Protein backbone atom coordinates (compact mmCIF):
# COMPACT_ATOMS: atom_id res chain seq x y z
CA UNK A 1 -15.73 -20.16 -18.21
CA UNK A 2 -17.00 -17.80 -19.77
CA UNK A 3 -16.43 -16.33 -23.83
CA UNK A 4 -17.52 -14.44 -26.32
CA UNK A 5 -20.13 -16.81 -27.56
CA UNK A 6 -21.60 -17.67 -24.30
CA UNK A 7 -22.11 -14.88 -22.45
CA UNK A 8 -26.20 -14.78 -23.23
CA UNK A 9 -26.14 -18.28 -21.73
CA UNK A 10 -24.51 -17.00 -18.89
CA UNK A 11 -27.01 -14.13 -18.40
CA UNK A 12 -29.77 -16.83 -19.03
CA UNK A 13 -28.39 -19.17 -16.69
CA UNK A 14 -27.81 -16.82 -13.68
CA UNK A 15 -31.21 -15.01 -14.12
CA UNK A 16 -32.80 -18.54 -14.53
CA UNK A 17 -30.84 -19.89 -11.04
CA UNK A 18 -31.22 -16.72 -9.30
CA UNK A 19 -27.43 -17.62 -6.96
CA UNK A 20 -25.47 -15.49 -4.66
CA UNK A 21 -22.64 -16.24 -6.00
CA UNK A 22 -21.14 -17.17 -9.45
CA UNK A 23 -18.06 -18.36 -10.37
CA UNK A 24 -16.27 -17.08 -13.22
CA UNK A 25 -12.89 -18.57 -14.89
CA UNK A 26 -10.91 -16.26 -17.12
CA UNK A 27 -7.96 -17.19 -19.23
CA UNK A 28 -5.24 -14.60 -19.47
CA UNK A 29 -6.42 -14.13 -23.26
CA UNK A 30 -10.16 -13.17 -21.87
CA UNK A 31 -9.24 -11.11 -18.89
CA UNK A 32 -9.37 -7.54 -21.20
CA UNK A 33 -13.01 -8.60 -22.09
CA UNK A 34 -14.21 -8.91 -18.41
CA UNK A 35 -15.09 -5.44 -18.05
CA UNK A 36 -17.85 -5.84 -20.75
CA UNK A 37 -19.54 -8.98 -18.58
CA UNK A 38 -19.27 -7.35 -15.10
CA UNK A 39 -21.48 -3.80 -17.11
CA UNK A 40 -23.90 -6.14 -19.13
CA UNK A 41 -25.14 -7.48 -15.46
CA UNK A 42 -24.64 -4.76 -13.74
CA UNK A 43 -27.81 -3.94 -13.61
CA UNK A 44 -30.16 -7.21 -14.09
CA UNK A 45 -27.81 -9.37 -12.00
CA UNK A 46 -27.09 -6.10 -9.44
CA UNK A 47 -27.63 -8.85 -6.50
CA UNK A 48 -25.26 -11.34 -7.54
CA UNK A 49 -22.01 -11.15 -6.35
CA UNK A 50 -19.19 -12.48 -8.89
CA UNK A 51 -15.59 -14.03 -7.80
CA UNK A 52 -13.49 -14.06 -10.38
CA UNK A 53 -10.79 -17.06 -11.14
CA UNK A 54 -7.69 -16.64 -13.35
CA UNK A 55 -4.75 -18.07 -14.37
CA UNK A 56 -2.60 -15.54 -14.80
CA UNK A 57 -3.01 -11.81 -14.64
CA UNK A 58 -1.41 -8.20 -14.29
CA UNK A 59 -1.66 -6.14 -11.55
CA UNK A 60 -3.38 -3.71 -13.19
CA UNK A 61 -6.18 -6.15 -14.64
CA UNK A 62 -6.88 -7.89 -11.74
CA UNK A 63 -7.67 -4.34 -10.06
CA UNK A 64 -9.63 -3.20 -12.50
CA UNK A 65 -11.61 -6.30 -12.33
CA UNK A 66 -12.42 -5.07 -8.79
CA UNK A 67 -13.36 -1.98 -10.16
CA UNK A 68 -15.70 -3.26 -11.77
CA UNK A 69 -17.54 -5.39 -9.45
CA UNK A 70 -15.88 -8.40 -9.20
CA UNK A 71 -16.03 -9.36 -5.65
CA UNK A 72 -13.27 -11.30 -5.08
CA UNK A 73 -10.31 -12.63 -7.22
CA UNK A 74 -8.89 -16.32 -6.84
CA UNK A 75 -5.80 -17.64 -8.52
CA UNK A 76 -6.19 -21.02 -10.17
CA UNK A 77 -6.27 -24.04 -9.11
CA UNK A 78 -9.33 -23.90 -7.08
CA UNK A 79 -9.20 -25.99 -3.63
CA UNK A 80 -11.75 -26.13 -1.03
CA UNK A 81 -10.46 -24.30 1.20
CA UNK A 82 -9.96 -21.63 -0.76
CA UNK A 83 -13.45 -21.28 -2.05
CA UNK A 84 -15.56 -22.26 1.23
CA UNK A 85 -14.10 -19.54 3.50
CA UNK A 86 -14.98 -16.70 0.77
CA UNK A 87 -18.62 -18.40 0.30
CA UNK A 88 -19.30 -18.08 3.84
CA UNK A 89 -17.92 -14.69 4.03
CA UNK A 90 -19.78 -13.37 0.76
CA UNK A 91 -22.65 -14.82 1.07
CA UNK A 92 -24.14 -16.10 4.82
CA UNK A 93 -22.27 -14.50 6.84
CA UNK A 94 -22.13 -11.00 5.71
CA UNK A 95 -24.36 -8.85 7.04
CA UNK A 96 -22.88 -9.91 10.42
CA UNK A 97 -19.71 -9.06 9.51
CA UNK A 98 -21.11 -5.96 7.67
CA UNK A 99 -22.37 -4.33 11.20
CA UNK A 100 -19.13 -5.01 13.25
CA UNK A 101 -16.71 -3.73 10.31
CA UNK A 102 -19.33 -0.31 9.96
CA UNK A 103 -18.49 -0.06 13.61
CA UNK A 104 -14.17 -0.69 13.14
CA UNK A 105 -14.47 1.68 10.11
CA UNK A 106 -15.54 4.32 11.74
CA UNK A 107 -12.28 4.09 15.11
CA UNK A 108 -9.46 2.24 12.73
CA UNK A 109 -10.91 2.32 9.35
CA UNK A 110 -8.84 5.55 7.50
CA UNK A 111 -8.82 7.92 10.17
CA UNK A 112 -4.46 7.28 10.75
CA UNK A 113 -4.61 8.09 7.24
CA UNK A 114 -4.00 12.14 6.42
CA UNK A 115 -3.78 13.70 3.40
CA UNK A 116 -5.50 15.99 0.30
CA UNK A 117 -3.23 15.54 -2.75
CA UNK A 118 -3.89 13.74 -5.74
CA UNK A 119 -1.25 11.43 -5.31
CA UNK A 120 -3.03 10.49 -1.45
CA UNK A 121 -6.69 10.50 -2.64
CA UNK A 122 -5.86 7.95 -5.67
CA UNK A 123 -4.86 5.65 -3.12
CA UNK A 124 -7.62 6.12 -0.39
CA UNK A 125 -9.94 5.18 -3.60
CA UNK A 126 -8.25 1.76 -3.74
CA UNK A 127 -8.75 0.62 -0.22
CA UNK A 128 -12.30 0.06 -0.15
CA UNK A 129 -11.65 -1.87 -3.81
CA UNK A 130 -9.23 -3.31 -2.47
CA UNK A 131 -10.27 -4.51 1.24
CA UNK A 132 -14.03 -6.64 -1.03
CA UNK A 133 -11.58 -9.23 -2.09
CA UNK A 134 -8.64 -11.72 -0.85
CA UNK A 135 -6.23 -11.50 -2.97
CA UNK A 136 -2.62 -10.97 -1.35
CA UNK A 137 -1.28 -7.51 -1.32
CA UNK A 138 1.83 -6.32 -1.56
CA UNK A 139 2.70 -2.73 -0.15
CA UNK A 140 5.78 -1.17 -1.11
CA UNK A 141 7.24 2.46 -0.31
CA UNK A 142 10.36 4.09 1.57
CA UNK A 143 10.71 3.67 4.87
CA UNK A 144 7.93 5.96 7.01
CA UNK A 145 5.45 6.23 4.27
CA UNK A 146 2.50 4.47 6.35
CA UNK A 147 2.63 0.82 5.07
CA UNK A 148 1.31 -0.50 8.16
CA UNK A 149 -1.43 2.25 8.26
CA UNK A 150 -2.31 1.21 4.65
CA UNK A 151 -2.32 -2.52 5.69
CA UNK A 152 -4.43 -1.64 8.77
CA UNK A 153 -7.18 0.01 7.12
CA UNK A 154 -7.72 -2.80 4.28
CA UNK A 155 -8.04 -5.35 6.83
CA UNK A 156 -10.49 -2.79 8.90
CA UNK A 157 -12.50 -2.24 5.65
CA UNK A 158 -12.87 -5.81 4.19
CA UNK A 159 -14.95 -8.57 5.96
CA UNK A 160 -12.36 -9.78 8.12
CA UNK A 161 -12.70 -6.37 10.46
CA UNK A 162 -13.42 -8.06 13.64
CA UNK A 163 -10.80 -10.52 13.63
CA UNK A 164 -6.80 -10.27 14.46
CA UNK A 165 -4.74 -7.98 11.99
CA UNK A 166 -1.53 -9.55 13.18
CA UNK A 167 1.51 -7.22 12.24
CA UNK A 168 5.18 -9.07 11.58
CA UNK A 169 8.56 -6.77 11.32
CA UNK A 170 10.18 -9.71 9.63
CA UNK A 171 13.27 -7.27 9.86
CA UNK A 172 13.31 -7.73 13.85
CA UNK A 173 13.27 -11.41 13.85
CA UNK A 174 16.26 -13.26 14.18
CA UNK A 175 17.15 -15.45 11.03
CA UNK A 176 17.03 -19.08 12.68
CA UNK A 177 13.88 -18.09 14.85
CA UNK A 178 11.60 -16.54 11.66
CA UNK A 179 10.27 -20.40 10.95
CA UNK A 180 9.30 -21.04 14.38
CA UNK A 181 7.81 -17.41 15.24
CA UNK A 182 5.51 -17.76 12.03
CA UNK A 183 4.50 -21.89 11.48
CA UNK A 184 4.40 -22.63 15.58
CA UNK A 185 6.54 -26.01 17.19
CA UNK A 186 5.44 -28.62 18.77
CA UNK A 187 7.16 -30.02 21.46
CA UNK A 188 10.51 -31.80 21.14
CA UNK A 189 10.69 -30.04 17.57
CA UNK A 190 14.38 -28.87 18.62
CA UNK A 191 16.92 -28.59 21.61
CA UNK A 192 15.15 -26.65 24.58
CA UNK A 193 11.54 -26.81 22.94
CA UNK A 194 9.72 -27.96 25.74
CA UNK A 195 6.16 -27.35 25.27
CA UNK A 196 3.93 -26.44 22.24
CA UNK A 197 4.49 -23.11 20.98
CA UNK A 198 1.25 -21.37 18.33
CA UNK A 199 2.96 -19.59 15.56
CA UNK A 200 1.95 -15.63 14.05
CA UNK A 201 -0.09 -17.63 11.14
CA UNK A 202 -2.02 -19.69 14.00
CA UNK A 203 -3.04 -15.99 15.87
CA UNK A 204 -4.03 -14.27 12.44
CA UNK A 205 -6.45 -17.00 11.77
CA UNK A 206 -9.22 -15.81 10.07
CA UNK A 207 -7.92 -12.06 10.10
CA UNK A 208 -5.42 -10.40 8.21
CA UNK A 209 -1.75 -11.33 8.46
CA UNK A 210 0.41 -8.11 7.88
CA UNK A 211 4.10 -9.37 6.61
CA UNK A 212 6.44 -6.08 7.11
CA UNK A 213 10.02 -5.85 5.61
CA UNK A 214 9.37 -9.13 3.98
CA UNK A 215 12.91 -9.06 1.77
CA UNK A 216 14.71 -9.75 5.32
CA UNK A 217 13.01 -13.10 5.20
CA UNK A 218 15.70 -15.87 4.49
CA UNK A 219 15.66 -18.17 1.57
CA UNK A 220 14.16 -21.47 3.14
CA UNK A 221 11.02 -19.48 5.14
CA UNK A 222 10.17 -17.86 1.68
CA UNK A 223 9.93 -21.41 -0.20
CA UNK A 224 7.71 -22.54 2.93
CA UNK A 225 5.53 -19.07 2.79
CA UNK A 226 5.11 -19.76 -0.69
CA UNK A 227 3.74 -23.35 0.11
CA UNK A 228 1.45 -21.60 2.65
CA UNK A 229 0.04 -19.20 0.21
CA UNK A 230 -0.31 -21.75 -2.39
CA UNK A 231 -2.29 -23.93 0.07
CA UNK A 232 -3.60 -21.94 3.04
CA UNK A 233 -1.88 -24.74 4.87
CA UNK A 234 1.42 -25.34 6.67
CA UNK A 235 3.10 -27.46 9.03
CA UNK A 236 4.33 -27.06 12.69
CA UNK A 237 8.15 -27.88 13.13
CA UNK A 238 8.22 -31.24 14.32
CA UNK A 239 5.07 -32.52 13.17
CA UNK A 240 4.38 -34.26 9.76
CA UNK A 241 0.56 -33.20 10.11
CA UNK A 242 -0.71 -30.15 7.68
CA UNK A 243 -2.88 -27.27 9.56
CA UNK A 244 -5.07 -25.24 7.56
CA UNK A 245 -6.05 -21.85 8.28
CA UNK A 246 -8.19 -19.19 6.96
CA UNK A 247 -5.73 -16.13 6.31
CA UNK A 248 -5.24 -12.58 4.28
CA UNK A 249 -2.00 -11.87 3.77
CA UNK A 250 -0.41 -8.44 3.28
CA UNK A 251 3.11 -8.18 2.74
CA UNK A 252 5.49 -5.12 2.30
CA UNK A 253 8.88 -3.64 1.66
CA UNK A 254 10.74 -0.44 1.31
CA UNK A 255 13.17 -2.11 -1.33
CA UNK A 256 12.80 -2.95 -4.79
CA UNK A 257 11.98 -7.11 -4.94
CA UNK A 258 11.68 -6.77 -8.77
CA UNK A 259 15.32 -5.80 -8.24
CA UNK A 260 16.14 -8.63 -5.42
CA UNK A 261 14.34 -10.96 -7.90
CA UNK A 262 17.02 -10.26 -10.22
CA UNK A 263 20.04 -10.68 -7.66
CA UNK A 264 18.33 -13.85 -6.33
CA UNK A 265 18.07 -12.73 -2.85
CA UNK A 266 14.45 -13.13 -2.79
CA UNK A 267 12.13 -15.50 -5.09
CA UNK A 268 10.23 -15.07 -7.98
CA UNK A 269 7.37 -17.01 -7.30
CA UNK A 270 7.08 -16.08 -4.74
CA UNK A 271 7.12 -12.35 -5.40
CA UNK A 272 4.49 -12.91 -8.47
CA UNK A 273 2.55 -14.56 -5.57
CA UNK A 274 2.52 -11.79 -3.31
CA UNK A 275 1.77 -8.64 -5.59
CA UNK A 276 -1.41 -9.65 -7.19
CA UNK A 277 -2.10 -6.48 -5.84
CA UNK A 278 0.26 -4.13 -6.02
CA UNK A 279 0.20 -0.83 -4.18
CA UNK A 280 3.32 1.77 -3.90
CA UNK A 281 3.33 4.69 -1.61
CA UNK A 282 4.71 8.37 -2.50
CA UNK A 283 7.47 9.80 -0.24
CA UNK A 284 6.43 12.73 1.80
CA UNK A 285 8.39 15.03 -0.80
CA UNK A 286 6.55 14.35 -3.78
CA UNK A 287 3.52 15.20 -1.61
CA UNK A 288 4.28 18.32 -0.01
CA UNK A 289 1.13 20.10 -0.03
CA UNK A 290 0.29 17.54 2.65
CA UNK A 291 2.76 18.26 4.81
CA UNK A 292 0.97 21.26 6.94
CA UNK A 293 -1.96 18.85 7.23
CA UNK A 294 -0.19 16.26 8.29
CA UNK A 295 1.99 17.86 11.19
CA UNK A 296 -1.06 19.38 12.42
CA UNK A 297 -2.80 16.52 12.67
CA UNK A 298 0.89 15.31 14.86
CA UNK A 299 0.17 18.40 16.80
CA UNK A 300 -3.23 17.55 17.95
CA UNK A 301 -2.72 14.01 19.02
CA UNK A 302 0.70 14.88 21.11
CA UNK A 303 -0.67 18.12 22.86
CA UNK A 304 -3.64 15.94 24.03
CA UNK A 305 -1.07 13.16 25.01
CA UNK A 306 1.31 15.23 26.88
CA UNK A 307 -1.41 17.41 28.44
CA UNK A 308 0.48 20.41 26.32
CA UNK A 309 -2.06 23.97 25.37
CA UNK A 310 -0.10 24.60 22.06
CA UNK A 311 -2.24 25.05 19.26
CA UNK A 312 -0.67 25.45 15.80
CA UNK A 313 2.76 26.36 13.98
CA UNK A 314 3.46 30.00 12.68
CA UNK A 315 3.80 31.09 8.89
CA UNK A 316 7.70 30.09 9.40
CA UNK A 317 7.34 26.74 11.44
CA UNK A 318 5.22 25.91 8.35
CA UNK A 319 7.87 27.19 6.09
CA UNK A 320 10.61 25.30 7.69
CA UNK A 321 8.75 21.59 7.40
CA UNK A 322 7.82 22.44 3.61
CA UNK A 323 11.35 23.12 2.63
CA UNK A 324 12.93 20.27 4.41
CA UNK A 325 13.25 16.78 2.17
CA UNK A 326 11.78 14.27 4.82
CA UNK A 327 14.27 11.60 4.41
CA UNK A 328 12.64 9.43 7.01
CA UNK A 329 8.96 10.62 5.75
CA UNK A 330 5.86 10.50 7.60
CA UNK A 331 7.26 9.06 10.73
CA UNK A 332 9.83 11.95 10.76
CA UNK A 333 7.50 14.90 10.67
CA UNK A 334 5.79 12.96 13.02
CA UNK A 335 8.58 12.69 15.69
CA UNK A 336 10.11 15.89 15.04
CA UNK A 337 6.94 17.38 15.79
CA UNK A 338 6.25 15.56 18.99
CA UNK A 339 9.56 16.36 20.08
CA UNK A 340 8.83 20.14 19.19
CA UNK A 341 5.58 19.98 21.71
CA UNK A 342 7.57 17.88 24.59
CA UNK A 343 9.64 21.29 24.79
CA UNK A 344 7.63 23.76 23.55
CA UNK A 345 5.61 26.45 26.27
CA UNK A 346 4.12 28.74 24.02
CA UNK A 347 0.84 28.27 22.53
CA UNK A 348 1.96 28.73 18.91
CA UNK A 349 4.79 26.60 17.52
CA UNK A 350 7.88 28.94 15.77
CA UNK A 351 10.16 27.96 13.58
CA UNK A 352 13.28 27.37 16.14
CA UNK A 353 11.18 24.78 18.03
CA UNK A 354 10.99 22.33 15.72
CA UNK A 355 14.74 20.60 15.33
CA UNK A 356 15.91 18.60 12.15
CA UNK A 357 18.94 16.70 11.61
CA UNK A 358 22.11 18.57 11.45
CA UNK A 359 23.45 19.49 8.27
CA UNK A 360 20.06 19.46 7.03
CA UNK A 361 18.40 22.84 7.97
CA UNK A 362 16.41 23.96 4.81
CA UNK A 363 17.45 27.47 3.61
CA UNK A 364 15.06 30.21 3.41
CA UNK A 365 12.39 30.52 1.11
CA UNK A 366 14.13 33.57 -1.49
CA UNK A 367 11.38 36.31 -1.60
CA UNK A 368 8.99 36.33 -5.04
CA UNK A 369 11.18 38.87 -6.90
CA UNK A 370 14.04 37.15 -5.95
CA UNK A 371 12.72 33.74 -6.51
CA UNK A 372 11.70 35.06 -10.24
CA UNK A 373 14.98 36.88 -10.85
CA UNK A 374 16.94 33.54 -10.58
CA UNK A 375 14.54 31.81 -12.73
CA UNK A 376 14.82 34.46 -15.27
CA UNK A 377 18.42 34.29 -15.48
CA UNK A 378 18.58 30.61 -15.61
CA UNK A 379 16.16 31.14 -18.03
CA UNK A 380 18.25 33.20 -20.14
CA UNK A 381 21.21 31.72 -20.13
CA UNK A 382 20.06 27.96 -21.27
CA UNK A 383 18.37 29.68 -24.26
CA UNK A 384 21.05 31.90 -25.46
CA UNK A 385 23.30 29.06 -25.00
CA UNK A 386 21.45 26.68 -26.85
CA UNK A 387 20.89 29.53 -30.02
CA UNK A 388 24.55 29.94 -30.01
CA UNK A 389 24.82 26.05 -30.02
CA UNK A 390 22.94 26.12 -32.72
CA UNK A 391 25.04 28.48 -34.83
CA UNK A 392 27.80 27.44 -34.55
CA UNK A 393 28.88 30.55 -32.01
CA UNK A 394 27.59 33.42 -34.56
CA UNK A 395 26.16 36.00 -32.37
CA UNK A 396 24.29 37.61 -35.62
CA UNK A 397 22.45 34.66 -36.28
CA UNK A 398 21.47 33.89 -33.30
CA UNK A 399 19.92 37.57 -32.43
CA UNK A 400 18.17 37.52 -35.30
CA UNK A 401 16.38 34.02 -34.37
CA UNK A 402 15.84 35.15 -31.33
CA UNK A 403 14.65 38.28 -32.48
CA UNK A 404 16.46 40.69 -30.44
CA UNK A 405 19.06 43.32 -31.86
CA UNK A 406 22.93 42.50 -31.79
CA UNK A 407 23.86 44.23 -28.74
CA UNK A 408 20.95 43.35 -25.91
CA UNK A 409 21.48 40.07 -26.90
């Protein structure tokens, strides 16, 4: 346990023993001071990996610890199966895994994540930090914002990169089959179960399990998943024996899980267990500067796939893309561009080649002069209304406050 009074003794102990790995238990009251620990050890103990054990903490505090240099975050209590896989990955197998990971990063890491907007770059900067640890991650965002791509990037930047990445769409599995699909079953577990079937958790051994649309899980399965996250073990249907697995869990949802907790459709304890590190993805309409770059990315990919010679968009086509609100986000943009490529036989895509949903066609952008006149008119109207309200409708006093003559006002 590290505190204000034993920071020097910890430094001395670590310096003398020269460990590869140090586990530091931080109580909630000491979390806010943890940054000083890492900063003070940054130079003299640069080769030591610090794994922080926390009893509780806010997500932003957890992310700050990773940013400051913590190699991993573990929630208390410590168990053998929480500790041993981390020790193996962070010490003995570190070099081997890193060599594998570098090659995979080039091919699968951030290559599919495209954009230069500030909100997007802020997310990208977090991915290598989050990848260093084994903590659970909860990715939220509207449908089509790229939650699975972010989960893949976290996996392929981590020491688990050479192991499986197993995506599961919880909303696509019938409720009565979810438990079986995740946790496996033995012969005779239920009527018709003639042979053993290994589930998706088993398939993800050593790697990452990505649970998309996590809010669709029935409450009974949520309870079993919570137990699995706590102990990293599960029981196959029809078996009394617990099975240990080494799997990192990344979950995603396109709804407000906090609201689902209040409505009692999602377990509160599971929500907190999943959201150790929360990542929220910005909708495309709030990062419009990325639309041209994304559109050209999809154009290049589609033209190669369909052997098409189309190479770019006309300015009017880009303007049409920029003015649309994209309720389906990046996935919708991808579909629109791909559809246009299929039917286009020209070198440059025009605005009329892009088909948007009926009734949602964007209006043409006004000229600079028209747009400026509209803004000025709206400002003048609002300004005059406020002054007249302030002076009870007295035009002379309002004009005087505006420093305008009465007739002009």
